[in-house]
Amino acid sequence: MNTPLPPSDALPLAGLAGELRISVGKLMRRMREQVHPNDLTASQKSVLLRLDRDGPATVSALARAESVRPQSMRVTVATLEALGAVSGEPDPTDGRQTLIALTPGFRKALQANRAAKDDWLFRALHAQLSEAEQAELASAVKLLQRLAEFQEPPRS
């Protein structure tokens, strides 16, 4: 699967890669338009999505996962606490630690945002694609998932 492509095949594949990047970018922008704008920074959004996906975590664990210093993560978490997006509870296994988690209210807002995006995408699929194209897209989603999981092999 990792055999080098002949130059004649590499050019069309490079073009496909560029078109895919542009199309996915446009789709992501359109989906972001479906939610209410907010003033969250990229790092704040990343922390919130991580907590939603992985569950409660300590500031130290979040800092490691986000590749930032614990001091920087403390500032991010404090801002999110002030916004009511996260709260801290003592770690039941280590009372010296505090577990940071999404607040129930923020979790509801997150679910509402996802529902708005899903609704827009459902309407777009229904309005723009024939049943045959919808089936074709369903197959393409599996390919996109495989692309998203790609990791470069370690270089020696």
C-alpha atoms as a PDB file:
ATOM      1  CA  MET A   1       0.000   0.000   0.000  1.00  0.00           C
ATOM      2  CA  ASN A   2       2.930   2.346   0.589  1.00  0.00           C
ATOM      3  CA  THR A   3       4.683   1.729  -2.714  1.00  0.00           C
ATOM      4  CA  PRO A   4       5.912   4.911  -4.404  1.00  0.00           C
ATOM      5  CA  LEU A   5       3.687   6.176  -7.207  1.00  0.00           C
ATOM      6  CA  PRO A   6       5.043   6.692 -10.693  1.00  0.00           C
ATOM      7  CA  PRO A   7       5.220  10.442 -11.509  1.00  0.00           C
ATOM      8  CA  SER A   8       2.321  10.083 -13.967  1.00  0.00           C
ATOM      9  CA  ASP A   9       0.021   8.868 -11.141  1.00  0.00           C
ATOM     10  CA  ALA A  10       1.260  11.272  -8.467  1.00  0.00           C
ATOM     11  CA  LEU A  11       0.005  14.424 -10.192  1.00  0.00           C
ATOM     12  CA  PRO A  12      -3.699  13.423 -10.311  1.00  0.00           C
ATOM     13  CA  LEU A  13      -3.476  12.178  -6.716  1.00  0.00           C
ATOM     14  CA  ALA A  14      -1.937  15.483  -5.597  1.00  0.00           C
ATOM     15  CA  GLY A  15      -4.786  17.313  -7.348  1.00  0.00           C
ATOM     16  CA  LEU A  16      -7.329  15.092  -5.592  1.00  0.00           C
ATOM     17  CA  ALA A  17      -5.660  15.828  -2.248  1.00  0.00           C
ATOM     18  CA  GLY A  18      -5.936  19.571  -2.884  1.00  0.00           C
ATOM     19  CA  GLU A  19      -9.579  19.366  -3.952  1.00  0.00           C
ATOM     20  CA  LEU A  20     -10.421  17.212  -0.937  1.00  0.00           C
ATOM     21  CA  ARG A  21      -8.747  19.681   1.450  1.00  0.00           C
ATOM     22  CA  ILE A  22     -10.652  22.609  -0.085  1.00  0.00           C
ATOM     23  CA  SER A  23     -14.004  20.783  -0.085  1.00  0.00           C
ATOM     24  CA  VAL A  24     -13.667  19.553   3.495  1.00  0.00           C
ATOM     25  CA  GLY A  25     -12.649  23.056   4.586  1.00  0.00           C
ATOM     26  CA  LYS A  26     -15.725  24.597   2.942  1.00  0.00           C
ATOM     27  CA  LEU A  27     -17.976  21.973   4.514  1.00  0.00           C
ATOM     28  CA  MET A  28     -16.482  22.609   7.964  1.00  0.00           C
ATOM     29  CA  ARG A  29     -16.999  26.372   7.584  1.00  0.00           C
ATOM     30  CA  ARG A  30     -20.633  25.839   6.578  1.00  0.00           C
ATOM     31  CA  MET A  31     -21.217  23.592   9.575  1.00  0.00           C
ATOM     32  CA  ARG A  32     -19.625  26.134  11.937  1.00  0.00           C
ATOM     33  CA  GLU A  33     -22.102  28.711  10.592  1.00  0.00           C
ATOM     34  CA  GLN A  34     -24.958  26.601  11.959  1.00  0.00           C
ATOM     35  CA  VAL A  35     -24.203  27.383  15.611  1.00  0.00           C
ATOM     36  CA  HIS A  36     -24.257  30.598  17.521  1.00  0.00           C
ATOM     37  CA  PRO A  37     -20.885  32.311  17.367  1.00  0.00           C
ATOM     38  CA  ASN A  38     -18.933  32.437  20.590  1.00  0.00           C
ATOM     39  CA  ASP A  39     -15.736  33.937  21.822  1.00  0.00           C
ATOM     40  CA  LEU A  40     -13.964  30.690  22.706  1.00  0.00           C
ATOM     41  CA  THR A  41     -10.356  30.326  21.640  1.00  0.00           C
ATOM     42  CA  ALA A  42      -9.129  27.276  19.757  1.00  0.00           C
ATOM     43  CA  SER A  43      -7.406  25.961  22.895  1.00  0.00           C
ATOM     44  CA  GLN A  44     -10.583  26.394  24.953  1.00  0.00           C
ATOM     45  CA  LYS A  45     -12.618  24.543  22.324  1.00  0.00           C
ATOM     46  CA  SER A  46     -10.027  21.781  22.228  1.00  0.00           C
ATOM     47  CA  VAL A  47     -10.184  21.313  26.016  1.00  0.00           C
ATOM     48  CA  LEU A  48     -13.983  21.264  25.976  1.00  0.00           C
ATOM     49  CA  LEU A  49     -14.109  18.703  23.177  1.00  0.00           C
ATOM     50  CA  ARG A  50     -11.510  16.556  24.960  1.00  0.00           C
ATOM     51  CA  LEU A  51     -13.531  16.628  28.196  1.00  0.00           C
ATOM     52  CA  ASP A  52     -16.672  15.752  26.249  1.00  0.00           C
ATOM     53  CA  ARG A  53     -14.966  12.858  24.492  1.00  0.00           C
ATOM     54  CA  ASP A  54     -12.752  11.499  27.288  1.00  0.00           C
ATOM     55  CA  GLY A  55     -14.555  12.568  30.455  1.00  0.00           C
ATOM     56  CA  PRO A  56     -13.232  14.385  33.530  1.00  0.00           C
ATOM     57  CA  ALA A  57      -9.492  15.009  33.815  1.00  0.00           C
ATOM     58  CA  THR A  58      -7.001  16.821  36.000  1.00  0.00           C
ATOM     59  CA  VAL A  59      -5.387  20.046  34.845  1.00  0.00           C
ATOM     60  CA  SER A  60      -2.072  18.162  34.570  1.00  0.00           C
ATOM     61  CA  ALA A  61      -3.604  15.470  32.363  1.00  0.00           C
ATOM     62  CA  LEU A  62      -5.252  18.099  30.162  1.00  0.00           C
ATOM     63  CA  ALA A  63      -1.954  19.977  29.851  1.00  0.00           C
ATOM     64  CA  ARG A  64      -0.147  16.798  28.754  1.00  0.00           C
ATOM     65  CA  ALA A  65      -2.891  15.894  26.281  1.00  0.00           C
ATOM     66  CA  GLU A  66      -2.888  19.406  24.791  1.00  0.00           C
ATOM     67  CA  SER A  67       0.924  19.732  24.863  1.00  0.00           C
ATOM     68  CA  VAL A  68       0.930  22.899  26.959  1.00  0.00           C
ATOM     69  CA  ARG A  69       2.407  23.844  30.324  1.00  0.00           C
ATOM     70  CA  PRO A  70       0.219  23.158  33.376  1.00  0.00           C
ATOM     71  CA  GLN A  71       0.266  26.894  34.192  1.00  0.00           C
ATOM     72  CA  SER A  72      -1.213  27.694  30.770  1.00  0.00           C
ATOM     73  CA  MET A  73      -3.855  25.003  31.205  1.00  0.00           C
ATOM     74  CA  ARG A  74      -4.800  26.425  34.619  1.00  0.00           C
ATOM     75  CA  VAL A  75      -5.520  29.779  32.948  1.00  0.00           C
ATOM     76  CA  THR A  76      -7.615  28.086  30.244  1.00  0.00           C
ATOM     77  CA  VAL A  77      -9.570  26.059  32.809  1.00  0.00           C
ATOM     78  CA  ALA A  78     -10.129  29.132  35.017  1.00  0.00           C
ATOM     79  CA  THR A  79     -11.579  31.011  32.045  1.00  0.00           C
ATOM     80  CA  LEU A  80     -13.853  28.084  31.186  1.00  0.00           C
ATOM     81  CA  GLU A  81     -14.973  27.882  34.829  1.00  0.00           C
ATOM     82  CA  ALA A  82     -15.809  31.601  34.785  1.00  0.00           C
ATOM     83  CA  LEU A  83     -17.911  31.000  31.655  1.00  0.00           C
ATOM     84  CA  GLY A  84     -19.771  28.155  33.381  1.00  0.00           C
ATOM     85  CA  ALA A  85     -18.528  25.575  30.885  1.00  0.00           C
ATOM     86  CA  VAL A  86     -16.538  23.427  33.342  1.00  0.00           C
ATOM     87  CA  SER A  87     -16.400  22.783  37.062  1.00  0.00           C
ATOM     88  CA  GLY A  88     -13.990  21.031  39.377  1.00  0.00           C
ATOM     89  CA  GLU A  89     -14.652  18.252  41.884  1.00  0.00           C
ATOM     90  CA  PRO A  90     -12.202  16.465  44.190  1.00  0.00           C
ATOM     91  CA  ASP A  91     -10.752  13.308  42.622  1.00  0.00           C
ATOM     92  CA  PRO A  92     -12.323  10.363  44.524  1.00  0.00           C
ATOM     93  CA  THR A  93      -9.089   8.359  44.231  1.00  0.00           C
ATOM     94  CA  ASP A  94      -6.722  11.219  45.157  1.00  0.00           C
ATOM     95  CA  GLY A  95      -8.215  14.025  47.220  1.00  0.00           C
ATOM     96  CA  ARG A  96      -5.232  16.262  46.425  1.00  0.00           C
ATOM     97  CA  GLN A  97      -6.286  16.392  42.775  1.00  0.00           C
ATOM     98  CA  THR A  98      -9.267  18.127  41.193  1.00  0.00           C
ATOM     99  CA  LEU A  99     -11.115  16.582  38.271  1.00  0.00           C
ATOM    100  CA  ILE A 100     -12.342  19.068  35.684  1.00  0.00           C
ATOM    101  CA  ALA A 101     -15.596  18.170  33.899  1.00  0.00           C
ATOM    102  CA  LEU A 102     -18.172  19.787  31.653  1.00  0.00           C
ATOM    103  CA  THR A 103     -21.089  21.350  33.486  1.00  0.00           C
ATOM    104  CA  PRO A 104     -24.526  19.877  32.723  1.00  0.00           C
ATOM    105  CA  GLY A 105     -25.628  23.205  31.225  1.00  0.00           C
ATOM    106  CA  PHE A 106     -22.669  23.352  28.875  1.00  0.00           C
ATOM    107  CA  ARG A 107     -23.155  19.708  27.885  1.00  0.00           C
ATOM    108  CA  LYS A 108     -26.739  20.586  26.860  1.00  0.00           C
ATOM    109  CA  ALA A 109     -25.478  23.551  24.809  1.00  0.00           C
ATOM    110  CA  LEU A 110     -22.901  21.294  23.149  1.00  0.00           C
ATOM    111  CA  GLN A 111     -25.604  18.772  22.270  1.00  0.00           C
ATOM    112  CA  ALA A 112     -27.799  21.561  20.860  1.00  0.00           C
ATOM    113  CA  ASN A 113     -24.903  22.802  18.706  1.00  0.00           C
ATOM    114  CA  ARG A 114     -24.302  19.290  17.375  1.00  0.00           C
ATOM    115  CA  ALA A 115     -28.003  18.860  16.675  1.00  0.00           C
ATOM    116  CA  ALA A 116     -28.043  22.128  14.690  1.00  0.00           C
ATOM    117  CA  LYS A 117     -25.084  20.957  12.599  1.00  0.00           C
ATOM    118  CA  ASP A 118     -26.617  17.519  12.054  1.00  0.00           C
ATOM    119  CA  ASP A 119     -29.932  19.089  11.062  1.00  0.00           C
ATOM    120  CA  TRP A 120     -28.261  21.405   8.527  1.00  0.00           C
ATOM    121  CA  LEU A 121     -26.249  18.528   7.075  1.00  0.00           C
ATOM    122  CA  PHE A 122     -29.355  16.308   6.855  1.00  0.00           C
ATOM    123  CA  ARG A 123     -31.243  19.040   4.976  1.00  0.00           C
ATOM    124  CA  ALA A 124     -28.278  19.649   2.654  1.00  0.00           C
ATOM    125  CA  LEU A 125     -27.919  15.933   1.888  1.00  0.00           C
ATOM    126  CA  HIS A 126     -31.636  15.650   1.171  1.00  0.00           C
ATOM    127  CA  ALA A 127     -31.778  18.790  -1.001  1.00  0.00           C
ATOM    128  CA  GLN A 128     -28.509  18.461  -2.904  1.00  0.00           C
ATOM    129  CA  LEU A 129     -27.943  14.729  -3.438  1.00  0.00           C
ATOM    130  CA  SER A 130     -29.940  12.058  -5.217  1.00  0.00           C
ATOM    131  CA  GLU A 131     -30.455   8.709  -3.477  1.00  0.00           C
ATOM    132  CA  ALA A 132     -27.653   7.236  -5.597  1.00  0.00           C
ATOM    133  CA  GLU A 133     -25.332  10.098  -4.611  1.00  0.00           C
ATOM    134  CA  GLN A 134     -26.262   9.628  -0.952  1.00  0.00           C
ATOM    135  CA  ALA A 135     -25.252   5.962  -1.228  1.00  0.00           C
ATOM    136  CA  GLU A 136     -22.014   6.986  -2.939  1.00  0.00           C
ATOM    137  CA  LEU A 137     -21.310   9.454  -0.138  1.00  0.00           C
ATOM    138  CA  ALA A 138     -21.970   6.754   2.468  1.00  0.00           C
ATOM    139  CA  SER A 139     -19.174   4.716   0.881  1.00  0.00           C
ATOM    140  CA  ALA A 140     -16.931   7.775   0.728  1.00  0.00           C
ATOM    141  CA  VAL A 141     -17.446   8.431   4.453  1.00  0.00           C
ATOM    142  CA  LYS A 142     -15.740   5.118   5.207  1.00  0.00           C
ATOM    143  CA  LEU A 143     -12.797   6.208   3.073  1.00  0.00           C
ATOM    144  CA  LEU A 144     -12.658   9.591   4.819  1.00  0.00           C
ATOM    145  CA  GLN A 145     -12.620   7.839   8.187  1.00  0.00           C
ATOM    146  CA  ARG A 146      -9.645   5.761   7.052  1.00  0.00           C
ATOM    147  CA  LEU A 147      -7.865   8.909   5.846  1.00  0.00           C
ATOM    148  CA  ALA A 148      -8.501  10.607   9.194  1.00  0.00           C
ATOM    149  CA  GLU A 149      -6.871   7.680  11.005  1.00  0.00           C
ATOM    150  CA  PHE A 150      -3.697   7.739   8.866  1.00  0.00           C
ATOM    151  CA  GLN A 151      -0.452   8.182  10.756  1.00  0.00           C
ATOM    152  CA  GLU A 152       2.947   8.471   9.144  1.00  0.00           C
ATOM    153  CA  PRO A 153       5.209   5.519   9.931  1.00  0.00           C
ATOM    154  CA  PRO A 154       8.156   6.453  12.161  1.00  0.00           C
ATOM    155  CA  ARG A 155      11.163   7.596  10.167  1.00  0.00           C
ATOM    156  CA  SER A 156      14.388   5.784  10.843  1.00  0.00           C
END
